[in-house]
Amino acid sequence: MVDGEIMAGGVNRVERRGSRVLRPTGPWSPAVHGLLAHLRAAGFTAGPRFHGLAEDGREVLDFLPGEVSDYPPTPAAASRTALLDAARLLREYHDATAGYTAEGWMLPVREPVEVVCHGDYAPHNCVLAGEHVVGVIDFDTAHPGPRLWDVAYAAYRWAPTTAPGNADGFGTPDEQAVRVREFCDAYGLGRADRAGLVDAIEARLHALVAHMRAEAAAGSAAFASHLADGHHLMYLSDAAYVVRERARFEAQLLAE
């Protein structure tokens, strides 16, 4: 890579300059910058450090070396090692957010507030070294909320809990159910939250579609393009699928 390279993926234009990346900011950025500093102080080193603002107002963050998967996921991102690493790192991140408070998040605060959710914890926002998940990036969608809200989307992306027609997913329904159980085991999710996971995945995907529509209506060309390409229909199909397969998923999630 060379200085000034525009990095692929996401809805933001991200530029790499050596060991730093420059990203656009928004009204939520001060809350995120405070969160990144809090994480470092708490000993969580898998996220980037904030190095201030560039002359043009963009934020300056660490570049985290490694591989980031697109969809369908790479073999490394689809591995069992990555699945378990991702769950453990999410738990470490959640625990490190304890005590941090701020206002002005991009997404609404959700009750009960237990942690600061990452908001988009998925292969496309995690950095891998081989099959190991070693970093997490893009905290723009961070917001206070319950652990389950974040775990639900993470399980959807990492297990994944995608309908058979979704080309971004993989695995049979039974294989997905086992991987959901393994993700929750590695995270240490309690039984009460496991019992609510299917409903949380459905709600989280509907919330994602609502966010996409709101952003497109507000003028976001990226989200308008996603809607035009039918991404929202994929998410709604996946939401219906996980509810339809509730018994299969919960048989694994709630097994002693």
C-alpha atoms as a PDB file:
ATOM      1  CA  MET A   1       0.000   0.000   0.000  1.00  0.00           C
ATOM      2  CA  VAL A   2       1.114   3.564  -0.627  1.00  0.00           C
ATOM      3  CA  ASP A   3       0.410   6.801   1.191  1.00  0.00           C
ATOM      4  CA  GLY A   4      -2.794   8.443   0.107  1.00  0.00           C
ATOM      5  CA  GLU A   5      -4.443   5.145  -0.840  1.00  0.00           C
ATOM      6  CA  ILE A   6      -8.227   5.141  -0.516  1.00  0.00           C
ATOM      7  CA  MET A   7      -9.237   1.998   1.322  1.00  0.00           C
ATOM      8  CA  ALA A   8     -12.078  -0.131  -0.016  1.00  0.00           C
ATOM      9  CA  GLY A   9     -15.344  -0.965   1.726  1.00  0.00           C
ATOM     10  CA  GLY A  10     -17.854   0.695   4.002  1.00  0.00           C
ATOM     11  CA  VAL A  11     -19.915   3.834   3.516  1.00  0.00           C
ATOM     12  CA  ASN A  12     -17.068   6.229   4.398  1.00  0.00           C
ATOM     13  CA  ARG A  13     -14.125   7.395   2.292  1.00  0.00           C
ATOM     14  CA  VAL A  14     -11.100   6.261   4.306  1.00  0.00           C
ATOM     15  CA  GLU A  15      -7.562   7.236   3.369  1.00  0.00           C
ATOM     16  CA  ARG A  16      -4.422   5.524   4.599  1.00  0.00           C
ATOM     17  CA  ARG A  17      -1.225   7.471   5.230  1.00  0.00           C
ATOM     18  CA  GLY A  18       1.463   5.154   6.524  1.00  0.00           C
ATOM     19  CA  SER A  19       0.539   4.012  10.029  1.00  0.00           C
ATOM     20  CA  ARG A  20      -2.523   6.285  10.156  1.00  0.00           C
ATOM     21  CA  VAL A  21      -5.942   6.415   8.531  1.00  0.00           C
ATOM     22  CA  LEU A  22      -8.032   9.535   7.967  1.00  0.00           C
ATOM     23  CA  ARG A  23     -11.797   9.262   8.158  1.00  0.00           C
ATOM     24  CA  PRO A  24     -14.682  11.739   7.955  1.00  0.00           C
ATOM     25  CA  THR A  25     -16.249  12.821  11.233  1.00  0.00           C
ATOM     26  CA  GLY A  26     -19.801  13.511  12.307  1.00  0.00           C
ATOM     27  CA  PRO A  27     -21.695  14.905  15.289  1.00  0.00           C
ATOM     28  CA  TRP A  28     -21.153  11.573  17.074  1.00  0.00           C
ATOM     29  CA  SER A  29     -17.349  11.665  16.733  1.00  0.00           C
ATOM     30  CA  PRO A  30     -16.529  13.318  20.093  1.00  0.00           C
ATOM     31  CA  ALA A  31     -18.367  10.519  21.920  1.00  0.00           C
ATOM     32  CA  VAL A  32     -16.459   7.926  19.873  1.00  0.00           C
ATOM     33  CA  HIS A  33     -13.094   9.603  20.447  1.00  0.00           C
ATOM     34  CA  GLY A  34     -13.737   9.601  24.180  1.00  0.00           C
ATOM     35  CA  LEU A  35     -14.693   5.929  23.972  1.00  0.00           C
ATOM     36  CA  LEU A  36     -11.443   5.032  22.199  1.00  0.00           C
ATOM     37  CA  ALA A  37      -9.431   6.803  24.900  1.00  0.00           C
ATOM     38  CA  HIS A  38     -11.452   5.049  27.611  1.00  0.00           C
ATOM     39  CA  LEU A  39     -10.810   1.659  26.021  1.00  0.00           C
ATOM     40  CA  ARG A  40      -7.050   2.247  25.993  1.00  0.00           C
ATOM     41  CA  ALA A  41      -7.095   3.341  29.608  1.00  0.00           C
ATOM     42  CA  ALA A  42      -9.014   0.152  30.454  1.00  0.00           C
ATOM     43  CA  GLY A  43      -6.351  -1.999  28.763  1.00  0.00           C
ATOM     44  CA  PHE A  44      -8.262  -2.789  25.563  1.00  0.00           C
ATOM     45  CA  THR A  45      -5.655  -2.518  22.804  1.00  0.00           C
ATOM     46  CA  ALA A  46      -7.482  -4.176  19.899  1.00  0.00           C
ATOM     47  CA  GLY A  47      -9.027  -0.891  18.760  1.00  0.00           C
ATOM     48  CA  PRO A  48      -7.320   2.095  17.125  1.00  0.00           C
ATOM     49  CA  ARG A  49      -6.037   5.105  19.032  1.00  0.00           C
ATOM     50  CA  PHE A  50      -7.344   8.589  18.186  1.00  0.00           C
ATOM     51  CA  HIS A  51      -4.598  11.022  17.178  1.00  0.00           C
ATOM     52  CA  GLY A  52      -6.614  14.212  16.782  1.00  0.00           C
ATOM     53  CA  LEU A  53      -8.017  15.926  13.724  1.00  0.00           C
ATOM     54  CA  ALA A  54      -6.303  16.685  10.424  1.00  0.00           C
ATOM     55  CA  GLU A  55      -6.342  20.191   8.952  1.00  0.00           C
ATOM     56  CA  ASP A  56      -9.426  19.323   6.918  1.00  0.00           C
ATOM     57  CA  GLY A  57     -11.313  18.091   9.997  1.00  0.00           C
ATOM     58  CA  ARG A  58     -10.970  14.373   9.372  1.00  0.00           C
ATOM     59  CA  GLU A  59     -10.126  12.149  12.336  1.00  0.00           C
ATOM     60  CA  VAL A  60      -6.708  10.539  12.474  1.00  0.00           C
ATOM     61  CA  LEU A  61      -6.606   6.962  13.780  1.00  0.00           C
ATOM     62  CA  ASP A  62      -4.161   4.062  13.907  1.00  0.00           C
ATOM     63  CA  PHE A  63      -4.032   1.800  10.876  1.00  0.00           C
ATOM     64  CA  LEU A  64      -4.468  -1.747  12.173  1.00  0.00           C
ATOM     65  CA  PRO A  65      -2.460  -4.154   9.976  1.00  0.00           C
ATOM     66  CA  GLY A  66      -4.057  -7.408   8.894  1.00  0.00           C
ATOM     67  CA  GLU A  67      -6.852  -8.662   6.675  1.00  0.00           C
ATOM     68  CA  VAL A  68     -10.490  -7.508   6.703  1.00  0.00           C
ATOM     69  CA  SER A  69     -13.036  -9.776   5.070  1.00  0.00           C
ATOM     70  CA  ASP A  70     -15.717  -8.690   2.658  1.00  0.00           C
ATOM     71  CA  TYR A  71     -18.691 -10.914   1.749  1.00  0.00           C
ATOM     72  CA  PRO A  72     -18.975 -13.776   1.241  1.00  0.00           C
ATOM     73  CA  PRO A  73     -16.456 -14.138   4.066  1.00  0.00           C
ATOM     74  CA  THR A  74     -12.954 -15.389   3.404  1.00  0.00           C
ATOM     75  CA  PRO A  75     -12.124 -18.918   4.591  1.00  0.00           C
ATOM     76  CA  ALA A  76     -10.199 -17.356   7.491  1.00  0.00           C
ATOM     77  CA  ALA A  77     -13.151 -15.212   8.583  1.00  0.00           C
ATOM     78  CA  ALA A  78     -15.499 -18.212   8.263  1.00  0.00           C
ATOM     79  CA  SER A  79     -13.263 -20.432  10.389  1.00  0.00           C
ATOM     80  CA  ARG A  80     -14.180 -21.720  13.826  1.00  0.00           C
ATOM     81  CA  THR A  81     -11.061 -20.043  15.220  1.00  0.00           C
ATOM     82  CA  ALA A  82     -12.248 -16.646  13.990  1.00  0.00           C
ATOM     83  CA  LEU A  83     -15.760 -17.311  15.310  1.00  0.00           C
ATOM     84  CA  LEU A  84     -14.504 -17.994  18.834  1.00  0.00           C
ATOM     85  CA  ASP A  85     -11.917 -15.211  18.746  1.00  0.00           C
ATOM     86  CA  ALA A  86     -14.560 -12.730  17.625  1.00  0.00           C
ATOM     87  CA  ALA A  87     -16.858 -13.693  20.496  1.00  0.00           C
ATOM     88  CA  ARG A  88     -14.096 -13.406  23.098  1.00  0.00           C
ATOM     89  CA  LEU A  89     -12.929 -10.063  21.721  1.00  0.00           C
ATOM     90  CA  LEU A  90     -16.475  -8.699  21.769  1.00  0.00           C
ATOM     91  CA  ARG A  91     -16.782  -9.708  25.425  1.00  0.00           C
ATOM     92  CA  GLU A  92     -13.436  -8.059  26.193  1.00  0.00           C
ATOM     93  CA  TYR A  93     -14.566  -4.904  24.414  1.00  0.00           C
ATOM     94  CA  HIS A  94     -17.916  -4.802  26.226  1.00  0.00           C
ATOM     95  CA  ASP A  95     -16.280  -5.270  29.613  1.00  0.00           C
ATOM     96  CA  ALA A  96     -13.786  -2.484  28.853  1.00  0.00           C
ATOM     97  CA  THR A  97     -16.607   0.000  28.136  1.00  0.00           C
ATOM     98  CA  ALA A  98     -17.823  -0.144  31.745  1.00  0.00           C
ATOM     99  CA  GLY A  99     -18.105   3.297  33.281  1.00  0.00           C
ATOM    100  CA  TYR A 100     -17.910   5.282  30.062  1.00  0.00           C
ATOM    101  CA  THR A 101     -20.699   7.778  29.495  1.00  0.00           C
ATOM    102  CA  ALA A 102     -21.198  10.373  26.779  1.00  0.00           C
ATOM    103  CA  GLU A 103     -23.920  12.038  24.749  1.00  0.00           C
ATOM    104  CA  GLY A 104     -24.384  12.608  21.058  1.00  0.00           C
ATOM    105  CA  TRP A 105     -24.165   9.079  19.639  1.00  0.00           C
ATOM    106  CA  MET A 106     -25.136   8.323  16.042  1.00  0.00           C
ATOM    107  CA  LEU A 107     -27.639   5.643  17.063  1.00  0.00           C
ATOM    108  CA  PRO A 108     -30.206   5.926  19.854  1.00  0.00           C
ATOM    109  CA  VAL A 109     -29.418   4.732  23.358  1.00  0.00           C
ATOM    110  CA  ARG A 110     -31.187   1.454  24.125  1.00  0.00           C
ATOM    111  CA  GLU A 111     -32.327   0.304  27.530  1.00  0.00           C
ATOM    112  CA  PRO A 112     -31.220  -1.383  29.636  1.00  0.00           C
ATOM    113  CA  VAL A 113     -27.792   0.206  29.252  1.00  0.00           C
ATOM    114  CA  GLU A 114     -25.197  -2.415  30.188  1.00  0.00           C
ATOM    115  CA  VAL A 115     -22.289  -1.611  27.844  1.00  0.00           C
ATOM    116  CA  VAL A 116     -21.377   0.617  24.935  1.00  0.00           C
ATOM    117  CA  CYS A 117     -22.388  -1.475  21.930  1.00  0.00           C
ATOM    118  CA  HIS A 118     -20.047  -1.386  18.946  1.00  0.00           C
ATOM    119  CA  GLY A 119     -23.101  -1.298  16.723  1.00  0.00           C
ATOM    120  CA  ASP A 120     -21.589  -3.051  13.688  1.00  0.00           C
ATOM    121  CA  TYR A 121     -19.430  -5.874  15.031  1.00  0.00           C
ATOM    122  CA  ALA A 122     -18.908  -8.067  11.979  1.00  0.00           C
ATOM    123  CA  PRO A 123     -16.150  -9.527   9.799  1.00  0.00           C
ATOM    124  CA  HIS A 124     -16.092  -6.325   7.741  1.00  0.00           C
ATOM    125  CA  ASN A 125     -15.115  -4.374  10.867  1.00  0.00           C
ATOM    126  CA  CYS A 126     -12.629  -6.826  12.372  1.00  0.00           C
ATOM    127  CA  VAL A 127      -8.971  -7.331  11.491  1.00  0.00           C
ATOM    128  CA  LEU A 128      -7.563 -10.835  11.145  1.00  0.00           C
ATOM    129  CA  ALA A 129      -4.041 -12.249  11.312  1.00  0.00           C
ATOM    130  CA  GLY A 130      -4.531 -15.614   9.674  1.00  0.00           C
ATOM    131  CA  GLU A 131      -7.645 -17.042  11.338  1.00  0.00           C
ATOM    132  CA  HIS A 132      -7.207 -14.991  14.513  1.00  0.00           C
ATOM    133  CA  VAL A 133      -9.269 -11.859  15.145  1.00  0.00           C
ATOM    134  CA  VAL A 134      -6.776  -9.280  16.402  1.00  0.00           C
ATOM    135  CA  GLY A 135      -8.513  -5.938  15.960  1.00  0.00           C
ATOM    136  CA  VAL A 136     -11.793  -4.089  15.651  1.00  0.00           C
ATOM    137  CA  ILE A 137     -12.393  -0.898  13.660  1.00  0.00           C
ATOM    138  CA  ASP A 138     -15.109   1.637  12.748  1.00  0.00           C
ATOM    139  CA  PHE A 139     -16.778   2.676  15.991  1.00  0.00           C
ATOM    140  CA  ASP A 140     -19.062   5.272  14.372  1.00  0.00           C
ATOM    141  CA  THR A 141     -22.194   3.294  15.272  1.00  0.00           C
ATOM    142  CA  ALA A 142     -21.197   2.770  18.927  1.00  0.00           C
ATOM    143  CA  HIS A 143     -23.983   3.556  21.392  1.00  0.00           C
ATOM    144  CA  PRO A 144     -25.019   2.549  24.927  1.00  0.00           C
ATOM    145  CA  GLY A 145     -27.292  -0.458  25.176  1.00  0.00           C
ATOM    146  CA  PRO A 146     -27.697  -4.037  26.385  1.00  0.00           C
ATOM    147  CA  ARG A 147     -25.085  -6.684  25.633  1.00  0.00           C
ATOM    148  CA  LEU A 148     -27.696  -8.756  23.827  1.00  0.00           C
ATOM    149  CA  TRP A 149     -28.326  -6.040  21.234  1.00  0.00           C
ATOM    150  CA  ASP A 150     -24.682  -6.166  20.126  1.00  0.00           C
ATOM    151  CA  VAL A 151     -24.314  -9.939  20.463  1.00  0.00           C
ATOM    152  CA  ALA A 152     -27.409 -10.442  18.299  1.00  0.00           C
ATOM    153  CA  TYR A 153     -25.931  -8.624  15.313  1.00  0.00           C
ATOM    154  CA  ALA A 154     -22.507 -10.187  15.880  1.00  0.00           C
ATOM    155  CA  ALA A 155     -24.006 -13.684  15.909  1.00  0.00           C
ATOM    156  CA  TYR A 156     -25.992 -12.872  12.769  1.00  0.00           C
ATOM    157  CA  ARG A 157     -22.798 -11.883  10.966  1.00  0.00           C
ATOM    158  CA  TRP A 158     -20.327 -14.415  12.378  1.00  0.00           C
ATOM    159  CA  ALA A 159     -22.375 -17.635  12.706  1.00  0.00           C
ATOM    160  CA  PRO A 160     -24.010 -16.520  10.378  1.00  0.00           C
ATOM    161  CA  THR A 161     -27.788 -16.741  10.768  1.00  0.00           C
ATOM    162  CA  THR A 162     -28.516 -16.050   7.114  1.00  0.00           C
ATOM    163  CA  ALA A 163     -31.279 -17.542   5.008  1.00  0.00           C
ATOM    164  CA  PRO A 164     -30.241 -20.172   2.428  1.00  0.00           C
ATOM    165  CA  GLY A 165     -30.789 -17.712  -0.428  1.00  0.00           C
ATOM    166  CA  ASN A 166     -28.323 -15.161   0.984  1.00  0.00           C
ATOM    167  CA  ALA A 167     -25.117 -15.446  -1.035  1.00  0.00           C
ATOM    168  CA  ASP A 168     -23.197 -13.663   1.750  1.00  0.00           C
ATOM    169  CA  GLY A 169     -23.874 -16.502   4.195  1.00  0.00           C
ATOM    170  CA  PHE A 170     -22.827 -20.115   4.505  1.00  0.00           C
ATOM    171  CA  GLY A 171     -23.643 -23.304   6.365  1.00  0.00           C
ATOM    172  CA  THR A 172     -26.743 -25.410   6.771  1.00  0.00           C
ATOM    173  CA  PRO A 173     -29.306 -24.335   9.361  1.00  0.00           C
ATOM    174  CA  ASP A 174     -27.994 -27.015  11.733  1.00  0.00           C
ATOM    175  CA  GLU A 175     -24.392 -25.858  11.248  1.00  0.00           C
ATOM    176  CA  GLN A 176     -25.412 -22.266  11.854  1.00  0.00           C
ATOM    177  CA  ALA A 177     -27.217 -23.244  15.049  1.00  0.00           C
ATOM    178  CA  VAL A 178     -24.091 -24.966  16.369  1.00  0.00           C
ATOM    179  CA  ARG A 179     -21.952 -21.930  15.520  1.00  0.00           C
ATOM    180  CA  VAL A 180     -24.414 -19.606  17.281  1.00  0.00           C
ATOM    181  CA  ARG A 181     -24.119 -21.774  20.380  1.00  0.00           C
ATOM    182  CA  GLU A 182     -20.315 -21.750  20.144  1.00  0.00           C
ATOM    183  CA  PHE A 183     -20.267 -17.960  19.729  1.00  0.00           C
ATOM    184  CA  CYS A 184     -22.459 -17.490  22.805  1.00  0.00           C
ATOM    185  CA  ASP A 185     -20.380 -19.970  24.804  1.00  0.00           C
ATOM    186  CA  ALA A 186     -17.154 -18.158  23.925  1.00  0.00           C
ATOM    187  CA  TYR A 187     -18.726 -14.792  24.757  1.00  0.00           C
ATOM    188  CA  GLY A 188     -20.160 -16.087  28.026  1.00  0.00           C
ATOM    189  CA  LEU A 189     -23.749 -15.059  27.284  1.00  0.00           C
ATOM    190  CA  GLY A 190     -26.190 -15.872  30.078  1.00  0.00           C
ATOM    191  CA  ARG A 191     -29.152 -18.197  29.684  1.00  0.00           C
ATOM    192  CA  ALA A 192     -31.774 -15.435  29.872  1.00  0.00           C
ATOM    193  CA  ASP A 193     -30.087 -13.558  27.029  1.00  0.00           C
ATOM    194  CA  ARG A 194     -29.763 -16.765  25.011  1.00  0.00           C
ATOM    195  CA  ALA A 195     -33.506 -17.272  25.351  1.00  0.00           C
ATOM    196  CA  GLY A 196     -34.024 -13.820  23.840  1.00  0.00           C
ATOM    197  CA  LEU A 197     -31.394 -14.046  21.095  1.00  0.00           C
ATOM    198  CA  VAL A 198     -33.657 -15.046  18.201  1.00  0.00           C
ATOM    199  CA  ASP A 199     -36.028 -12.163  18.888  1.00  0.00           C
ATOM    200  CA  ALA A 200     -33.070  -9.812  19.311  1.00  0.00           C
ATOM    201  CA  ILE A 201     -31.623 -10.800  15.928  1.00  0.00           C
ATOM    202  CA  GLU A 202     -34.980 -10.165  14.278  1.00  0.00           C
ATOM    203  CA  ALA A 203     -35.351  -6.783  15.991  1.00  0.00           C
ATOM    204  CA  ARG A 204     -31.745  -5.817  15.225  1.00  0.00           C
ATOM    205  CA  LEU A 205     -32.178  -6.507  11.515  1.00  0.00           C
ATOM    206  CA  HIS A 206     -35.412  -4.528  11.355  1.00  0.00           C
ATOM    207  CA  ALA A 207     -33.634  -1.654  13.133  1.00  0.00           C
ATOM    208  CA  LEU A 208     -30.836  -1.862  10.549  1.00  0.00           C
ATOM    209  CA  VAL A 209     -33.319  -1.561   7.687  1.00  0.00           C
ATOM    210  CA  ALA A 210     -35.012   1.402   9.394  1.00  0.00           C
ATOM    211  CA  HIS A 211     -31.597   3.081   9.761  1.00  0.00           C
ATOM    212  CA  MET A 212     -30.779   2.476   6.095  1.00  0.00           C
ATOM    213  CA  ARG A 213     -34.064   4.020   5.002  1.00  0.00           C
ATOM    214  CA  ALA A 214     -33.638   7.030   7.299  1.00  0.00           C
ATOM    215  CA  GLU A 215     -30.089   7.673   6.092  1.00  0.00           C
ATOM    216  CA  ALA A 216     -31.123   7.368   2.444  1.00  0.00           C
ATOM    217  CA  ALA A 217     -34.013   9.769   3.014  1.00  0.00           C
ATOM    218  CA  ALA A 218     -31.564  12.204   4.646  1.00  0.00           C
ATOM    219  CA  GLY A 219     -29.441  12.232   1.505  1.00  0.00           C
ATOM    220  CA  SER A 220     -26.884   9.433   1.976  1.00  0.00           C
ATOM    221  CA  ALA A 221     -25.889   8.247  -1.484  1.00  0.00           C
ATOM    222  CA  ALA A 222     -24.270   5.107  -0.027  1.00  0.00           C
ATOM    223  CA  PHE A 223     -27.401   3.968   1.770  1.00  0.00           C
ATOM    224  CA  ALA A 224     -29.595   4.925  -1.201  1.00  0.00           C
ATOM    225  CA  SER A 225     -27.398   2.664  -3.322  1.00  0.00           C
ATOM    226  CA  HIS A 226     -27.736  -0.169  -0.807  1.00  0.00           C
ATOM    227  CA  LEU A 227     -31.520   0.138  -0.929  1.00  0.00           C
ATOM    228  CA  ALA A 228     -31.499   0.263  -4.718  1.00  0.00           C
ATOM    229  CA  ASP A 229     -29.441  -2.939  -4.720  1.00  0.00           C
ATOM    230  CA  GLY A 230     -31.970  -4.648  -2.440  1.00  0.00           C
ATOM    231  CA  HIS A 231     -29.766  -5.083   0.623  1.00  0.00           C
ATOM    232  CA  HIS A 232     -32.732  -4.323   2.877  1.00  0.00           C
ATOM    233  CA  LEU A 233     -34.713  -7.184   1.360  1.00  0.00           C
ATOM    234  CA  MET A 234     -31.866  -9.549   2.230  1.00  0.00           C
ATOM    235  CA  TYR A 235     -31.902  -8.390   5.865  1.00  0.00           C
ATOM    236  CA  LEU A 236     -35.679  -8.725   6.112  1.00  0.00           C
ATOM    237  CA  SER A 237     -35.484 -12.215   4.625  1.00  0.00           C
ATOM    238  CA  ASP A 238     -32.807 -13.183   7.156  1.00  0.00           C
ATOM    239  CA  ALA A 239     -34.926 -11.791   9.997  1.00  0.00           C
ATOM    240  CA  ALA A 240     -37.879 -13.926   8.916  1.00  0.00           C
ATOM    241  CA  TYR A 241     -35.603 -16.949   8.517  1.00  0.00           C
ATOM    242  CA  VAL A 242     -34.204 -16.887  12.046  1.00  0.00           C
ATOM    243  CA  VAL A 243     -37.717 -16.655  13.487  1.00  0.00           C
ATOM    244  CA  ARG A 244     -38.896 -19.466  11.230  1.00  0.00           C
ATOM    245  CA  GLU A 245     -35.995 -21.611  12.445  1.00  0.00           C
ATOM    246  CA  ARG A 246     -36.408 -20.569  16.088  1.00  0.00           C
ATOM    247  CA  ALA A 247     -36.782 -24.118  17.396  1.00  0.00           C
ATOM    248  CA  ARG A 248     -33.586 -25.247  15.680  1.00  0.00           C
ATOM    249  CA  PHE A 249     -31.528 -22.326  17.026  1.00  0.00           C
ATOM    250  CA  GLU A 250     -32.957 -22.437  20.535  1.00  0.00           C
ATOM    251  CA  ALA A 251     -32.457 -26.197  20.810  1.00  0.00           C
ATOM    252  CA  GLN A 252     -28.717 -25.474  20.601  1.00  0.00           C
ATOM    253  CA  LEU A 253     -28.724 -22.203  22.533  1.00  0.00           C
ATOM    254  CA  LEU A 254     -30.622 -23.579  25.531  1.00  0.00           C
ATOM    255  CA  ALA A 255     -29.227 -27.105  25.654  1.00  0.00           C
ATOM    256  CA  GLU A 256     -27.583 -27.950  28.978  1.00  0.00           C
END
